[in-house]
Amino acid sequence: MFGFVMIIIAIGSNLPHPEFGAPMDVCNAAVGAVGDIGCRILQRSRWFLSAPVPVSEQPDFVNGVISVRTALK
């Protein structure tokens, strides 16, 4: 018998992607991809901007989390 599992997934990006665009668009694409593989997205946080750690010349990150329910193994 297969049951459902709830999973929390952290998502983040700080660089643009040639196909998906700016970091926030990359994160939104990741949320969509998780939904496309058989996971039901239950909740999504707002996007947060955070500086890289350790401090560097890199651009800020866009970060967030989603909770999903899935029967995937």
C-alpha atoms as a PDB file:
ATOM      1  CA  MET A   1       0.000   0.000   0.000  1.00  0.00           C
ATOM      2  CA  PHE A   2       1.380   3.395  -0.964  1.00  0.00           C
ATOM      3  CA  GLY A   3       0.707   6.413   1.190  1.00  0.00           C
ATOM      4  CA  PHE A   4       1.263  10.063   0.669  1.00  0.00           C
ATOM      5  CA  VAL A   5       4.271  11.852   2.102  1.00  0.00           C
ATOM      6  CA  MET A   6       4.593  15.558   2.798  1.00  0.00           C
ATOM      7  CA  ILE A   7       7.966  17.051   1.860  1.00  0.00           C
ATOM      8  CA  ILE A   8       9.424  20.526   2.342  1.00  0.00           C
ATOM      9  CA  ILE A   9      11.672  21.692  -0.524  1.00  0.00           C
ATOM     10  CA  ALA A  10      13.968  24.725  -0.393  1.00  0.00           C
ATOM     11  CA  ILE A  11      14.355  26.596  -3.683  1.00  0.00           C
ATOM     12  CA  GLY A  12      16.889  29.284  -4.508  1.00  0.00           C
ATOM     13  CA  SER A  13      18.770  30.949  -7.328  1.00  0.00           C
ATOM     14  CA  ASN A  14      21.093  33.905  -7.743  1.00  0.00           C
ATOM     15  CA  LEU A  15      22.050  33.659 -11.408  1.00  0.00           C
ATOM     16  CA  PRO A  16      19.956  34.033 -14.555  1.00  0.00           C
ATOM     17  CA  HIS A  17      19.305  30.995 -16.731  1.00  0.00           C
ATOM     18  CA  PRO A  18      19.301  31.242 -20.544  1.00  0.00           C
ATOM     19  CA  GLU A  19      15.946  29.459 -20.828  1.00  0.00           C
ATOM     20  CA  PHE A  20      14.107  30.591 -17.679  1.00  0.00           C
ATOM     21  CA  GLY A  21      15.415  34.131 -17.181  1.00  0.00           C
ATOM     22  CA  ALA A  22      16.083  36.042 -13.970  1.00  0.00           C
ATOM     23  CA  PRO A  23      16.603  34.237 -10.629  1.00  0.00           C
ATOM     24  CA  MET A  24      12.984  34.745  -9.533  1.00  0.00           C
ATOM     25  CA  ASP A  25      11.804  33.267 -12.844  1.00  0.00           C
ATOM     26  CA  VAL A  26      14.177  30.320 -12.310  1.00  0.00           C
ATOM     27  CA  CYS A  27      12.613  29.718  -8.888  1.00  0.00           C
ATOM     28  CA  ASN A  28       9.081  29.929 -10.292  1.00  0.00           C
ATOM     29  CA  ALA A  29      10.064  27.459 -13.026  1.00  0.00           C
ATOM     30  CA  ALA A  30      11.388  25.092 -10.345  1.00  0.00           C
ATOM     31  CA  VAL A  31       8.049  25.235  -8.516  1.00  0.00           C
ATOM     32  CA  GLY A  32       6.271  24.410 -11.775  1.00  0.00           C
ATOM     33  CA  ALA A  33       8.644  21.526 -12.497  1.00  0.00           C
ATOM     34  CA  VAL A  34       7.986  19.985  -9.088  1.00  0.00           C
ATOM     35  CA  GLY A  35       4.266  20.151  -9.826  1.00  0.00           C
ATOM     36  CA  ASP A  36       4.828  18.530 -13.216  1.00  0.00           C
ATOM     37  CA  ILE A  37       6.441  15.372 -11.771  1.00  0.00           C
ATOM     38  CA  GLY A  38       3.515  14.211  -9.679  1.00  0.00           C
ATOM     39  CA  CYS A  39       3.798  16.357  -6.572  1.00  0.00           C
ATOM     40  CA  ARG A  40       0.852  18.372  -5.332  1.00  0.00           C
ATOM     41  CA  ILE A  41       2.022  21.748  -4.084  1.00  0.00           C
ATOM     42  CA  LEU A  42       0.294  22.426  -0.774  1.00  0.00           C
ATOM     43  CA  GLN A  43       1.841  25.763   0.159  1.00  0.00           C
ATOM     44  CA  ARG A  44       4.498  28.158  -1.086  1.00  0.00           C
ATOM     45  CA  SER A  45       6.319  30.824   0.878  1.00  0.00           C
ATOM     46  CA  ARG A  46       6.891  34.277  -0.468  1.00  0.00           C
ATOM     47  CA  TRP A  47      10.263  34.844  -2.128  1.00  0.00           C
ATOM     48  CA  PHE A  48      13.022  36.287   0.065  1.00  0.00           C
ATOM     49  CA  LEU A  49      16.191  38.066  -1.045  1.00  0.00           C
ATOM     50  CA  SER A  50      19.345  37.128   0.860  1.00  0.00           C
ATOM     51  CA  ALA A  51      23.013  37.956   0.526  1.00  0.00           C
ATOM     52  CA  PRO A  52      25.448  35.137  -0.318  1.00  0.00           C
ATOM     53  CA  VAL A  53      27.252  33.479   2.590  1.00  0.00           C
ATOM     54  CA  PRO A  54      30.141  33.903   2.907  1.00  0.00           C
ATOM     55  CA  VAL A  55      29.978  37.488   1.676  1.00  0.00           C
ATOM     56  CA  SER A  56      31.144  37.730  -1.919  1.00  0.00           C
ATOM     57  CA  GLU A  57      30.717  39.658  -5.138  1.00  0.00           C
ATOM     58  CA  GLN A  58      27.867  37.333  -6.192  1.00  0.00           C
ATOM     59  CA  PRO A  59      24.358  38.762  -6.596  1.00  0.00           C
ATOM     60  CA  ASP A  60      21.732  38.244  -3.893  1.00  0.00           C
ATOM     61  CA  PHE A  61      19.770  34.997  -3.839  1.00  0.00           C
ATOM     62  CA  VAL A  62      16.032  34.586  -4.300  1.00  0.00           C
ATOM     63  CA  ASN A  63      14.945  31.911  -1.779  1.00  0.00           C
ATOM     64  CA  GLY A  64      11.724  30.260  -0.721  1.00  0.00           C
ATOM     65  CA  VAL A  65      10.193  26.940   0.272  1.00  0.00           C
ATOM     66  CA  ILE A  66       7.304  24.814  -0.881  1.00  0.00           C
ATOM     67  CA  SER A  67       5.509  21.985   0.842  1.00  0.00           C
ATOM     68  CA  VAL A  68       4.343  19.187  -1.407  1.00  0.00           C
ATOM     69  CA  ARG A  69       2.415  15.966  -1.088  1.00  0.00           C
ATOM     70  CA  THR A  70       3.414  13.015  -3.201  1.00  0.00           C
ATOM     71  CA  ALA A  71       3.127   9.284  -3.550  1.00  0.00           C
ATOM     72  CA  LEU A  72       6.509   9.151  -5.330  1.00  0.00           C
ATOM     73  CA  LYS A  73       9.099   6.889  -3.757  1.00  0.00           C
END
